[in-house]
C-alpha atoms as a PDB file:
ATOM      1  CA  MET A   1      -0.067   0.086  -0.175  1.00  0.00           C
ATOM      2  CA  ILE A   2       3.101   2.528   0.946  1.00  0.00           C
ATOM      3  CA  ASN A   3       4.139   2.332  -2.788  1.00  0.00           C
ATOM      4  CA  ARG A   4       0.574   3.125  -3.997  1.00  0.00           C
ATOM      5  CA  ILE A   5       0.548   6.224  -1.777  1.00  0.00           C
ATOM      6  CA  VAL A   6       3.947   7.149  -2.776  1.00  0.00           C
ATOM      7  CA  ASP A   7       3.219   7.262  -6.211  1.00  0.00           C
ATOM      8  CA  LEU A   8      -0.220   9.311  -5.321  1.00  0.00           C
ATOM      9  CA  SER A   9       1.745  12.003  -3.770  1.00  0.00           C
ATOM     10  CA  GLU A  10       3.918  12.370  -7.084  1.00  0.00           C
ATOM     11  CA  LYS A  11       0.993  13.012  -9.122  1.00  0.00           C
ATOM     12  CA  LEU A  12      -0.657  15.576  -6.521  1.00  0.00           C
ATOM     13  CA  ALA A  13       3.002  17.109  -6.631  1.00  0.00           C
ATOM     14  CA  ASN A  14       2.657  17.565 -10.330  1.00  0.00           C
ATOM     15  CA  LYS A  15      -0.672  18.758 -10.396  1.00  0.00           C
ATOM     16  CA  LYS A  16       0.204  21.468  -8.157  1.00  0.00           C
ATOM     17  CA  LYS A  17       2.736  22.883 -11.180  1.00  0.00           C
ATOM     18  CA  ASP A  18      -0.655  24.174 -12.845  1.00  0.00           C
ATOM     19  CA  ASP A  19      -1.788  25.979  -9.696  1.00  0.00           C
ATOM     20  CA  PRO A  20      -0.857  29.625  -9.151  1.00  0.00           C
ATOM     21  CA  ASP A  21      -2.328  29.688  -5.720  1.00  0.00           C
ATOM     22  CA  LEU A  22      -0.452  26.353  -4.473  1.00  0.00           C
ATOM     23  CA  LEU A  23       2.802  27.540  -6.487  1.00  0.00           C
ATOM     24  CA  GLU A  24       3.020  30.518  -4.471  1.00  0.00           C
ATOM     25  CA  ARG A  25       1.900  28.608  -1.356  1.00  0.00           C
ATOM     26  CA  MET A  26       4.683  26.668  -2.099  1.00  0.00           C
ATOM     27  CA  GLU A  27       7.074  29.289  -2.101  1.00  0.00           C
ATOM     28  CA  VAL A  28       6.065  30.919   1.260  1.00  0.00           C
ATOM     29  CA  ALA A  29       6.424  27.139   2.673  1.00  0.00           C
ATOM     30  CA  ALA A  30       9.946  27.418   1.590  1.00  0.00           C
ATOM     31  CA  LYS A  31      10.380  30.359   4.199  1.00  0.00           C
ATOM     32  CA  GLY A  32       8.613  28.877   7.257  1.00  0.00           C
ATOM     33  CA  GLN A  33       4.981  28.943   7.925  1.00  0.00           C
ATOM     34  CA  SER A  34       2.487  31.563   9.619  1.00  0.00           C
ATOM     35  CA  PRO A  35      -1.012  29.728   9.750  1.00  0.00           C
ATOM     36  CA  ARG A  36      -4.619  31.651  10.234  1.00  0.00           C
ATOM     37  CA  PHE A  37      -5.818  28.957  12.291  1.00  0.00           C
ATOM     38  CA  LEU A  38      -5.452  26.139  14.882  1.00  0.00           C
ATOM     39  CA  LEU A  39      -7.727  23.302  13.787  1.00  0.00           C
ATOM     40  CA  ILE A  40      -8.525  20.609  16.084  1.00  0.00           C
ATOM     41  CA  SER A  41      -9.923  17.625  14.562  1.00  0.00           C
ATOM     42  CA  PRO A  42     -11.099  14.373  15.686  1.00  0.00           C
ATOM     43  CA  ILE A  43      -8.764  11.558  14.497  1.00  0.00           C
ATOM     44  CA  ASP A  44     -11.287   9.999  12.019  1.00  0.00           C
ATOM     45  CA  ARG A  45     -12.266  13.205  10.512  1.00  0.00           C
ATOM     46  CA  SER A  46      -8.897  14.913  10.804  1.00  0.00           C
ATOM     47  CA  SER A  47      -8.275  14.915   6.818  1.00  0.00           C
ATOM     48  CA  GLN A  48     -11.161  15.612   5.667  1.00  0.00           C
ATOM     49  CA  ASP A  49     -11.834  18.881   7.853  1.00  0.00           C
ATOM     50  CA  LEU A  50      -9.075  20.524   5.798  1.00  0.00           C
ATOM     51  CA  GLN A  51     -10.779  19.440   2.924  1.00  0.00           C
ATOM     52  CA  VAL A  52     -14.379  20.252   4.078  1.00  0.00           C
ATOM     53  CA  LEU A  53     -12.928  23.260   5.273  1.00  0.00           C
ATOM     54  CA  ASP A  54     -10.746  24.123   2.198  1.00  0.00           C
ATOM     55  CA  MET A  55      -7.957  24.673   4.172  1.00  0.00           C
ATOM     56  CA  ARG A  56      -4.920  24.603   1.879  1.00  0.00           C
ATOM     57  CA  MET A  57      -1.079  24.476   2.533  1.00  0.00           C
ATOM     58  CA  GLY A  58      -0.067  27.001   5.189  1.00  0.00           C
ATOM     59  CA  ASP A  59      -3.811  27.735   6.554  1.00  0.00           C
ATOM     60  CA  ALA A  60      -4.137  25.978   9.996  1.00  0.00           C
ATOM     61  CA  PHE A  61      -2.019  23.822  12.304  1.00  0.00           C
ATOM     62  CA  HIS A  62      -3.407  20.894  13.369  1.00  0.00           C
ATOM     63  CA  ALA A  63      -4.100  19.323  16.685  1.00  0.00           C
ATOM     64  CA  THR A  64      -5.882  16.125  17.310  1.00  0.00           C
ATOM     65  CA  ARG A  65      -8.805  14.822  19.601  1.00  0.00           C
ATOM     66  CA  VAL A  66     -10.430  11.321  20.049  1.00  0.00           C
ATOM     67  CA  PRO A  67     -13.670  10.832  18.279  1.00  0.00           C
ATOM     68  CA  GLY A  68     -16.529  10.430  20.874  1.00  0.00           C
ATOM     69  CA  ASN A  69     -14.825  11.424  23.723  1.00  0.00           C
ATOM     70  CA  ALA A  70     -14.575  15.144  25.113  1.00  0.00           C
ATOM     71  CA  LEU A  71     -11.224  17.040  24.470  1.00  0.00           C
ATOM     72  CA  PRO A  72      -9.148  16.694  27.993  1.00  0.00           C
ATOM     73  CA  PRO A  73      -7.666  19.788  29.290  1.00  0.00           C
ATOM     74  CA  ALA A  74      -4.287  20.618  28.294  1.00  0.00           C
ATOM     75  CA  GLY A  75      -2.431  18.895  31.223  1.00  0.00           C
ATOM     76  CA  GLU A  76      -4.349  15.927  30.628  1.00  0.00           C
ATOM     77  CA  SER A  77      -3.576  15.641  26.986  1.00  0.00           C
ATOM     78  CA  PRO A  78      -0.405  17.137  26.636  1.00  0.00           C
ATOM     79  CA  VAL A  79       0.203  15.494  23.114  1.00  0.00           C
ATOM     80  CA  LEU A  80      -2.727  15.537  21.234  1.00  0.00           C
ATOM     81  CA  PHE A  81      -3.727  19.185  22.279  1.00  0.00           C
ATOM     82  CA  GLY A  82      -1.492  20.769  24.175  1.00  0.00           C
ATOM     83  CA  GLY A  83       1.586  20.613  22.740  1.00  0.00           C
ATOM     84  CA  PRO A  84       0.152  21.979  19.285  1.00  0.00           C
ATOM     85  CA  ALA A  85      -1.754  24.929  21.350  1.00  0.00           C
ATOM     86  CA  SER A  86       1.503  25.938  22.874  1.00  0.00           C
ATOM     87  CA  TYR A  87       3.787  26.095  19.271  1.00  0.00           C
ATOM     88  CA  ASN A  88       0.597  27.725  17.712  1.00  0.00           C
ATOM     89  CA  ARG A  89       1.403  30.846  20.358  1.00  0.00           C
ATOM     90  CA  GLY A  90       4.628  31.558  18.446  1.00  0.00           C
ATOM     91  CA  PHE A  91       2.817  32.110  15.466  1.00  0.00           C
ATOM     92  CA  LEU A  92       2.044  36.068  14.212  1.00  0.00           C
ATOM     93  CA  GLN A  93      -1.224  35.862  11.926  1.00  0.00           C
ATOM     94  CA  LYS A  94      -3.231  33.857  14.410  1.00  0.00           C
ATOM     95  CA  ARG A  95      -6.719  34.666  13.637  1.00  0.00           C
ATOM     96  CA  GLY A  96      -9.004  31.814  15.966  1.00  0.00           C
ATOM     97  CA  VAL A  97      -9.299  28.342  16.829  1.00  0.00           C
ATOM     98  CA  ILE A  98     -11.546  25.961  15.308  1.00  0.00           C
ATOM     99  CA  VAL A  99     -12.989  22.781  16.754  1.00  0.00           C
ATOM    100  CA  THR A 100     -14.767  20.397  15.185  1.00  0.00           C
ATOM    101  CA  PHE A 101     -17.829  17.646  15.548  1.00  0.00           C
ATOM    102  CA  ASP A 102     -19.373  14.913  13.681  1.00  0.00           C
ATOM    103  CA  SER A 103     -23.305  16.438  13.474  1.00  0.00           C
ATOM    104  CA  HIS A 104     -23.966  13.326  15.809  1.00  0.00           C
ATOM    105  CA  GLU A 105     -21.286  13.967  18.700  1.00  0.00           C
ATOM    106  CA  SER A 106     -23.028  14.681  22.192  1.00  0.00           C
ATOM    107  CA  HIS A 107     -23.919  18.460  23.458  1.00  0.00           C
ATOM    108  CA  GLU A 108     -21.713  17.104  26.837  1.00  0.00           C
ATOM    109  CA  ILE A 109     -18.748  16.124  24.491  1.00  0.00           C
ATOM    110  CA  VAL A 110     -18.981  20.047  22.691  1.00  0.00           C
ATOM    111  CA  ARG A 111     -19.579  21.699  25.964  1.00  0.00           C
ATOM    112  CA  GLU A 112     -16.635  20.027  27.691  1.00  0.00           C
ATOM    113  CA  SER A 113     -14.238  20.256  24.865  1.00  0.00           C
ATOM    114  CA  LEU A 114     -15.047  24.311  24.096  1.00  0.00           C
ATOM    115  CA  LEU A 115     -14.889  24.512  27.990  1.00  0.00           C
ATOM    116  CA  ASN A 116     -11.018  22.957  27.981  1.00  0.00           C
ATOM    117  CA  VAL A 117     -10.027  25.150  24.981  1.00  0.00           C
ATOM    118  CA  SER A 118     -10.722  28.072  26.472  1.00  0.00           C
ATOM    119  CA  ARG A 119      -8.805  27.174  29.481  1.00  0.00           C
ATOM    120  CA  HIS A 120      -5.708  26.922  27.531  1.00  0.00           C
ATOM    121  CA  SER A 121      -3.409  30.006  28.804  1.00  0.00           C
ATOM    122  CA  ASP A 122      -1.786  30.101  25.138  1.00  0.00           C
ATOM    123  CA  LEU A 123      -5.089  29.907  23.281  1.00  0.00           C
ATOM    124  CA  SER A 124      -5.947  33.121  25.530  1.00  0.00           C
ATOM    125  CA  GLY A 125      -7.721  36.162  23.558  1.00  0.00           C
ATOM    126  CA  LEU A 126      -8.182  33.729  20.389  1.00  0.00           C
ATOM    127  CA  PRO A 127     -11.753  33.307  19.347  1.00  0.00           C
ATOM    128  CA  ILE A 128     -13.294  29.961  18.769  1.00  0.00           C
ATOM    129  CA  ILE A 129     -15.205  28.551  16.128  1.00  0.00           C
ATOM    130  CA  ALA A 130     -17.116  25.550  16.922  1.00  0.00           C
ATOM    131  CA  LEU A 131     -18.882  23.577  14.150  1.00  0.00           C
ATOM    132  CA  ARG A 132     -20.834  20.581  13.841  1.00  0.00           C
ATOM    133  CA  ILE A 133     -20.235  18.566  10.357  1.00  0.00           C
ATOM    134  CA  ASP A 134     -22.339  16.532   8.254  1.00  0.00           C
ATOM    135  CA  TYR A 135     -19.318  15.276   6.453  1.00  0.00           C
ATOM    136  CA  SER A 136     -21.629  13.098   4.074  1.00  0.00           C
ATOM    137  CA  SER A 137     -22.403  16.500   2.739  1.00  0.00           C
ATOM    138  CA  GLY A 138     -20.201  18.742   3.577  1.00  0.00           C
ATOM    139  CA  SER A 139     -22.558  21.089   5.019  1.00  0.00           C
ATOM    140  CA  ALA A 140     -21.774  22.363   8.601  1.00  0.00           C
ATOM    141  CA  ARG A 141     -23.577  24.601  11.597  1.00  0.00           C
ATOM    142  CA  LEU A 142     -21.997  26.602  14.127  1.00  0.00           C
ATOM    143  CA  GLU A 143     -22.083  25.822  17.926  1.00  0.00           C
ATOM    144  CA  PRO A 144     -22.900  28.726  19.943  1.00  0.00           C
ATOM    145  CA  HIS A 145     -20.874  29.296  23.019  1.00  0.00           C
ATOM    146  CA  SER A 146     -19.458  32.121  25.122  1.00  0.00           C
ATOM    147  CA  TYR A 147     -16.078  31.894  24.992  1.00  0.00           C
ATOM    148  CA  GLY A 148     -14.985  34.525  22.813  1.00  0.00           C
ATOM    149  CA  ARG A 149     -16.301  34.687  19.020  1.00  0.00           C
ATOM    150  CA  ASP A 150     -15.600  36.586  15.572  1.00  0.00           C
ATOM    151  CA  TYR A 151     -18.764  36.425  13.688  1.00  0.00           C
ATOM    152  CA  GLU A 152     -16.720  37.810  10.658  1.00  0.00           C
ATOM    153  CA  GLY A 153     -14.709  34.961  10.917  1.00  0.00           C
ATOM    154  CA  GLU A 154     -17.447  32.294  11.186  1.00  0.00           C
ATOM    155  CA  ASN A 155     -19.207  33.776   7.837  1.00  0.00           C
ATOM    156  CA  TRP A 156     -15.531  33.122   6.614  1.00  0.00           C
ATOM    157  CA  VAL A 157     -15.162  29.700   7.568  1.00  0.00           C
ATOM    158  CA  LEU A 158     -19.040  28.874   6.317  1.00  0.00           C
ATOM    159  CA  SER A 159     -18.576  30.287   3.045  1.00  0.00           C
ATOM    160  CA  ARG A 160     -15.246  27.982   2.160  1.00  0.00           C
ATOM    161  CA  LEU A 161     -17.599  24.708   3.206  1.00  0.00           C
ATOM    162  CA  GLN A 162     -17.144  21.747   0.565  1.00  0.00           C
ATOM    163  CA  ARG A 163     -17.967  18.379   0.236  1.00  0.00           C
ATOM    164  CA  PRO A 164     -14.780  16.025   1.064  1.00  0.00           C
ATOM    165  CA  ASP A 165     -13.391  12.632  -0.426  1.00  0.00           C
ATOM    166  CA  PRO A 166     -14.577   9.564   1.414  1.00  0.00           C
ATOM    167  CA  VAL A 167     -12.363   8.253   4.478  1.00  0.00           C
ATOM    168  CA  ASP A 168     -10.265   5.498   4.187  1.00  0.00           C
ATOM    169  CA  GLU A 169     -10.462   3.467   7.553  1.00  0.00           C
ATOM    170  CA  ASP A 170      -8.040   0.927   6.864  1.00  0.00           C
ATOM    171  CA  TYR A 171      -5.401   3.506   7.420  1.00  0.00           C
ATOM    172  CA  LEU A 172      -4.016   5.445  10.266  1.00  0.00           C
ATOM    173  CA  VAL A 173      -1.644   8.413   9.191  1.00  0.00           C
ATOM    174  CA  LEU A 174       0.584  10.060  12.117  1.00  0.00           C
ATOM    175  CA  ILE A 175       1.790  13.020  10.987  1.00  0.00           C
ATOM    176  CA  CYS A 176       2.848  16.784  12.297  1.00  0.00           C
ATOM    177  CA  SER A 177       0.953  19.539  13.455  1.00  0.00           C
ATOM    178  CA  ASP A 178       2.411  21.667  10.644  1.00  0.00           C
ATOM    179  CA  SER A 179       0.290  23.858   8.573  1.00  0.00           C
ATOM    180  CA  ARG A 180       2.651  22.851   5.766  1.00  0.00           C
ATOM    181  CA  VAL A 181       1.800  19.071   5.558  1.00  0.00           C
ATOM    182  CA  HIS A 182      -1.011  17.147   4.642  1.00  0.00           C
ATOM    183  CA  PRO A 183      -2.071  13.450   5.488  1.00  0.00           C
ATOM    184  CA  PRO A 184      -1.500  12.281   1.704  1.00  0.00           C
ATOM    185  CA  PRO A 185      -4.552  10.713   0.326  1.00  0.00           C
ATOM    186  CA  THR A 186      -4.613   6.654  -0.226  1.00  0.00           C
ATOM    187  CA  PRO A 187      -6.204   5.304  -3.476  1.00  0.00           C
ATOM    188  CA  ASP A 188      -9.517   4.695  -1.416  1.00  0.00           C
ATOM    189  CA  GLY A 189      -9.736   8.369   0.262  1.00  0.00           C
ATOM    190  CA  VAL A 190      -8.313  10.030   2.593  1.00  0.00           C
ATOM    191  CA  PRO A 191      -7.050   8.337   6.022  1.00  0.00           C
ATOM    192  CA  MET A 192      -7.750   9.226   9.503  1.00  0.00           C
ATOM    193  CA  ALA A 193      -5.106  11.225  10.862  1.00  0.00           C
ATOM    194  CA  ILE A 194      -3.410  11.547  14.048  1.00  0.00           C
ATOM    195  CA  GLN A 195      -1.537  15.183  14.209  1.00  0.00           C
ATOM    196  CA  THR A 196       1.114  16.310  16.573  1.00  0.00           C
ATOM    197  CA  LEU A 197       3.912  18.073  17.068  1.00  0.00           C
ATOM    198  CA  GLY A 198       6.802  16.034  14.971  1.00  0.00           C
ATOM    199  CA  GLY A 199       3.996  13.240  14.596  1.00  0.00           C
ATOM    200  CA  TYR A 200       4.846  12.282  18.123  1.00  0.00           C
ATOM    201  CA  VAL A 201       2.531   9.863  20.285  1.00  0.00           C
ATOM    202  CA  PRO A 202       3.692   9.232  24.042  1.00  0.00           C
ATOM    203  CA  PRO A 203       3.882   5.392  25.295  1.00  0.00           C
ATOM    204  CA  TYR A 204       0.739   4.457  26.734  1.00  0.00           C
ATOM    205  CA  SER A 205      -0.227   5.589  30.597  1.00  0.00           C
ATOM    206  CA  ALA A 206      -3.119   4.023  32.343  1.00  0.00           C
ATOM    207  CA  GLY A 207      -2.548   7.193  34.297  1.00  0.00           C
ATOM    208  CA  VAL A 208      -3.341   9.894  31.326  1.00  0.00           C
ATOM    209  CA  ALA A 209      -6.618  10.729  29.488  1.00  0.00           C
ATOM    210  CA  GLU A 210      -5.202  11.235  25.899  1.00  0.00           C
ATOM    211  CA  SER A 211      -3.170   7.664  26.504  1.00  0.00           C
ATOM    212  CA  GLN A 212      -6.899   5.766  27.473  1.00  0.00           C
ATOM    213  CA  GLN A 213      -8.468   7.656  24.986  1.00  0.00           C
ATOM    214  CA  LEU A 214      -6.056   6.460  22.393  1.00  0.00           C
ATOM    215  CA  ASN A 215      -5.913   3.109  23.494  1.00  0.00           C
ATOM    216  CA  GLU A 216     -10.117   2.633  23.433  1.00  0.00           C
ATOM    217  CA  PHE A 217      -9.705   4.512  19.541  1.00  0.00           C
ATOM    218  CA  PHE A 218      -6.988   1.508  18.430  1.00  0.00           C
ATOM    219  CA  GLU A 219      -9.579  -1.418  20.364  1.00  0.00           C
ATOM    220  CA  LYS A 220     -12.570   0.183  18.165  1.00  0.00           C
ATOM    221  CA  TRP A 221     -10.447   0.442  15.089  1.00  0.00           C
ATOM    222  CA  PHE A 222      -9.487  -2.999  15.410  1.00  0.00           C
ATOM    223  CA  GLU A 223     -12.605  -4.704  16.354  1.00  0.00           C
ATOM    224  CA  SER A 224     -14.001  -3.210  13.277  1.00  0.00           C
ATOM    225  CA  SER A 225     -14.621  -5.129  10.545  1.00  0.00           C
ATOM    226  CA  HIS A 226     -12.169  -3.768   8.161  1.00  0.00           C
ATOM    227  CA  THR A 227     -10.130  -6.345   6.058  1.00  0.00           C
ATOM    228  CA  GLU A 228      -7.091  -4.283   6.614  1.00  0.00           C
ATOM    229  CA  HIS A 229      -5.612  -1.703   9.075  1.00  0.00           C
ATOM    230  CA  ARG A 230      -2.284  -0.075   8.045  1.00  0.00           C
ATOM    231  CA  ILE A 231      -0.471   2.871  10.383  1.00  0.00           C
ATOM    232  CA  LEU A 232       1.999   4.874   7.994  1.00  0.00           C
ATOM    233  CA  VAL A 233       3.947   7.094  10.604  1.00  0.00           C
ATOM    234  CA  ILE A 234       5.018  10.442   8.372  1.00  0.00           C
ATOM    235  CA  MET A 235       8.525  12.592   9.326  1.00  0.00           C
ATOM    236  CA  HIS A 236       8.970  15.345   7.382  1.00  0.00           C
ATOM    237  CA  GLY A 237      11.460  17.794   5.968  1.00  0.00           C
ATOM    238  CA  SER A 238      13.873  18.708   3.547  1.00  0.00           C
ATOM    239  CA  PHE A 239      13.415  15.002   1.994  1.00  0.00           C
ATOM    240  CA  ARG A 240      13.798  14.295  -1.902  1.00  0.00           C
ATOM    241  CA  GLY A 241      14.883  17.839  -2.307  1.00  0.00           C
ATOM    242  CA  ASP A 242      15.128  20.984  -0.676  1.00  0.00           C
ATOM    243  CA  GLY A 243      12.988  22.601   2.173  1.00  0.00           C
ATOM    244  CA  PRO A 244      12.592  23.666   5.753  1.00  0.00           C
ATOM    245  CA  PRO A 245      12.922  20.909   8.372  1.00  0.00           C
ATOM    246  CA  CYS A 246      10.339  20.225  10.716  1.00  0.00           C
ATOM    247  CA  GLY A 247       9.852  22.457  13.343  1.00  0.00           C
ATOM    248  CA  ALA A 248       9.318  20.721  16.543  1.00  0.00           C
ATOM    249  CA  ALA A 249      12.515  18.277  15.462  1.00  0.00           C
ATOM    250  CA  GLN A 250      14.635  21.592  14.782  1.00  0.00           C
ATOM    251  CA  ALA A 251      13.988  22.996  18.400  1.00  0.00           C
ATOM    252  CA  SER A 252      14.410  19.124  20.295  1.00  0.00           C
ATOM    253  CA  LEU A 253      17.942  19.534  19.297  1.00  0.00           C
ATOM    254  CA  ASP A 254      17.975  22.276  21.778  1.00  0.00           C
ATOM    255  CA  PRO A 255      14.932  22.258  24.067  1.00  0.00           C
ATOM    256  CA  ASP A 256      16.631  24.934  26.462  1.00  0.00           C
ATOM    257  CA  LYS A 257      16.114  27.805  24.270  1.00  0.00           C
ATOM    258  CA  VAL A 258      12.181  26.975  24.032  1.00  0.00           C
ATOM    259  CA  SER A 259      10.655  29.907  25.948  1.00  0.00           C
ATOM    260  CA  ASN A 260       7.669  29.196  26.347  1.00  0.00           C
ATOM    261  CA  ASP A 261       7.140  26.953  29.632  1.00  0.00           C
ATOM    262  CA  ARG A 262       4.464  24.740  28.645  1.00  0.00           C
ATOM    263  CA  LEU A 263       5.873  23.523  25.385  1.00  0.00           C
ATOM    264  CA  ARG A 264       9.566  23.015  26.616  1.00  0.00           C
ATOM    265  CA  PRO A 265       9.091  19.749  28.244  1.00  0.00           C
ATOM    266  CA  LEU A 266       7.277  17.961  25.301  1.00  0.00           C
ATOM    267  CA  ILE A 267      10.125  19.333  23.297  1.00  0.00           C
ATOM    268  CA  GLN A 268      12.657  17.726  25.700  1.00  0.00           C
ATOM    269  CA  LYS A 269      10.586  14.469  25.505  1.00  0.00           C
ATOM    270  CA  LEU A 270      10.844  14.702  21.601  1.00  0.00           C
ATOM    271  CA  ARG A 271      14.576  14.815  22.212  1.00  0.00           C
ATOM    272  CA  ASP A 272      14.888  12.459  25.103  1.00  0.00           C
ATOM    273  CA  GLU A 273      12.902   9.852  23.303  1.00  0.00           C
ATOM    274  CA  ALA A 274      14.743  10.151  19.876  1.00  0.00           C
ATOM    275  CA  SER A 275      18.264  10.052  21.414  1.00  0.00           C
ATOM    276  CA  ARG A 276      17.163   6.231  22.257  1.00  0.00           C
ATOM    277  CA  PHE A 277      17.774   5.427  18.885  1.00  0.00           C
ATOM    278  CA  GLU A 278      20.672   7.766  18.002  1.00  0.00           C
ATOM    279  CA  VAL A 279      23.997   6.358  18.146  1.00  0.00           C
ATOM    280  CA  SER A 280      25.512   9.852  18.960  1.00  0.00           C
ATOM    281  CA  PRO A 281      23.197  12.762  19.548  1.00  0.00           C
ATOM    282  CA  SER A 282      21.791  14.071  16.045  1.00  0.00           C
ATOM    283  CA  GLU A 283      23.516  17.198  14.461  1.00  0.00           C
ATOM    284  CA  ASN A 284      20.790  18.359  12.395  1.00  0.00           C
ATOM    285  CA  ALA A 285      16.785  18.253  12.163  1.00  0.00           C
ATOM    286  CA  GLU A 286      16.277  15.258   9.303  1.00  0.00           C
ATOM    287  CA  ASP A 287      18.381  12.935  11.407  1.00  0.00           C
ATOM    288  CA  ARG A 288      16.584  13.799  14.708  1.00  0.00           C
ATOM    289  CA  VAL A 289      13.054  13.091  12.671  1.00  0.00           C
ATOM    290  CA  VAL A 290      14.669   9.627  11.311  1.00  0.00           C
ATOM    291  CA  ALA A 291      15.520   8.552  15.294  1.00  0.00           C
ATOM    292  CA  LEU A 292      11.760   9.851  16.473  1.00  0.00           C
ATOM    293  CA  ALA A 293      10.180   7.696  14.015  1.00  0.00           C
ATOM    294  CA  SER A 294      11.513   4.186  15.567  1.00  0.00           C
ATOM    295  CA  ALA A 295      10.480   6.053  19.059  1.00  0.00           C
ATOM    296  CA  ILE A 296       7.105   6.804  17.769  1.00  0.00           C
ATOM    297  CA  LYS A 297       6.828   3.370  16.386  1.00  0.00           C
ATOM    298  CA  GLU A 298       8.047   1.752  19.620  1.00  0.00           C
ATOM    299  CA  ASN A 299       5.836   3.898  21.840  1.00  0.00           C
ATOM    300  CA  LEU A 300       2.476   2.829  18.994  1.00  0.00           C
ATOM    301  CA  LEU A 301       3.445  -1.167  20.055  1.00  0.00           C
ATOM    302  CA  SER A 302       3.353  -0.233  23.797  1.00  0.00           C
ATOM    303  CA  TYR A 303      -0.707   0.118  23.778  1.00  0.00           C
ATOM    304  CA  PRO A 304      -2.665  -2.859  24.703  1.00  0.00           C
ATOM    305  CA  GLY A 305      -4.937  -2.336  21.918  1.00  0.00           C
ATOM    306  CA  ILE A 306      -2.022  -2.712  19.418  1.00  0.00           C
ATOM    307  CA  GLN A 307      -0.607  -5.279  21.385  1.00  0.00           C
ATOM    308  CA  ALA A 308      -3.961  -7.211  21.044  1.00  0.00           C
ATOM    309  CA  TYR A 309      -3.712  -6.813  17.110  1.00  0.00           C
ATOM    310  CA  SER A 310      -2.787 -10.626  15.507  1.00  0.00           C
ATOM    311  CA  GLU A 311      -0.964  -8.539  13.017  1.00  0.00           C
ATOM    312  CA  ARG A 312       0.837  -6.158  14.802  1.00  0.00           C
ATOM    313  CA  ASP A 313       4.042  -6.913  13.406  1.00  0.00           C
ATOM    314  CA  GLN A 314       3.123  -5.960   9.711  1.00  0.00           C
ATOM    315  CA  LEU A 315       0.897  -2.622  11.033  1.00  0.00           C
ATOM    316  CA  ILE A 316       2.971   0.251  11.471  1.00  0.00           C
ATOM    317  CA  GLU A 317       5.295   1.531   8.412  1.00  0.00           C
ATOM    318  CA  ILE A 318       7.385   4.990   8.311  1.00  0.00           C
ATOM    319  CA  ALA A 319       7.533   7.355   5.385  1.00  0.00           C
ATOM    320  CA  PHE A 320       9.025  10.534   4.677  1.00  0.00           C
ATOM    321  CA  MET A 321       7.674  13.574   3.005  1.00  0.00           C
ATOM    322  CA  ASN A 322       9.040  16.960   1.704  1.00  0.00           C
ATOM    323  CA  THR A 323       7.449  19.906   3.982  1.00  0.00           C
ATOM    324  CA  VAL A 324       7.122  21.958   0.613  1.00  0.00           C
ATOM    325  CA  THR A 325       5.840  19.666  -2.292  1.00  0.00           C
ATOM    326  CA  ASN A 326       4.275  17.045  -0.223  1.00  0.00           C
ATOM    327  CA  ILE A 327       5.881  13.883  -1.529  1.00  0.00           C
ATOM    328  CA  VAL A 328       6.091  10.978   0.077  1.00  0.00           C
ATOM    329  CA  ALA A 329       9.089   8.369   0.038  1.00  0.00           C
ATOM    330  CA  ALA A 330       9.338   5.186   1.683  1.00  0.00           C
ATOM    331  CA  LEU A 331      12.884   5.522   2.603  1.00  0.00           C
ATOM    332  CA  ARG A 332      14.679   8.389   3.445  1.00  0.00           C
ATOM    333  CA  ASP A 333      17.047   9.581   0.583  1.00  0.00           C
END
């Protein structure tokens, strides 16, 4: 399957050459990123959200929520939510936070999620756009709340709605929150996606809310009737050409320089876990993400829900994506 995803990514990159907007975005992406939105999506709708909302390269930094669960407070979700939210503070053109919910999710899930978004200190002052989305039609409605709204921004977001491609529920991608990298399509649609700093997921811990929620997600996924389950860990940087490195990996080379007190512990964790797979400390971000990919794979295999999967040895693959072109390679060049 990974070879088919590689081929699709190359075809999409060739199509971008005929799109003036995307070419301009790629030129900007080569110099850095300054996304306007932090987008918090459920795993099973993460890729679709980018399509429904017409979020193109550079538009949205991404955080993750486990579907069917309220988004926990940042302290209980330091990787899926807290880290991306704190990293987002450093961007200059922030317009707001978009939080999406499937149309069937309960009011309690919506209420608790928005409350925890509003309490994150690094998101203070940013308006929140809460959307219930019908993914089958590409329609959405606003969820009223009292945590700060931007009516002009809400109308702008609603004006961009479009019907997404179907979800390929056989495939789960782990990829960076970076606004310049999007989960690659599969031959059957778009994958489910976990988007975090560097694509990192922590090892399983029964006492941490996000670990428990992730494990429940894995258990339900593997209990489903899908004939094939695959997890693709995608690291990004200047692979297969020039381009900027992964910002989280770059920061992990010297975490002491990270000024944000909420963000620094997670960046230190990326360094510490990657270092277990390095003969000597990495000197550049490309080497660091290679080591981090091995740590991510090991961490995934610590989840009981994955350990119980009979084909776990063939479950997880690693690939590398160029930050600017989004071309995927099965091996690092």
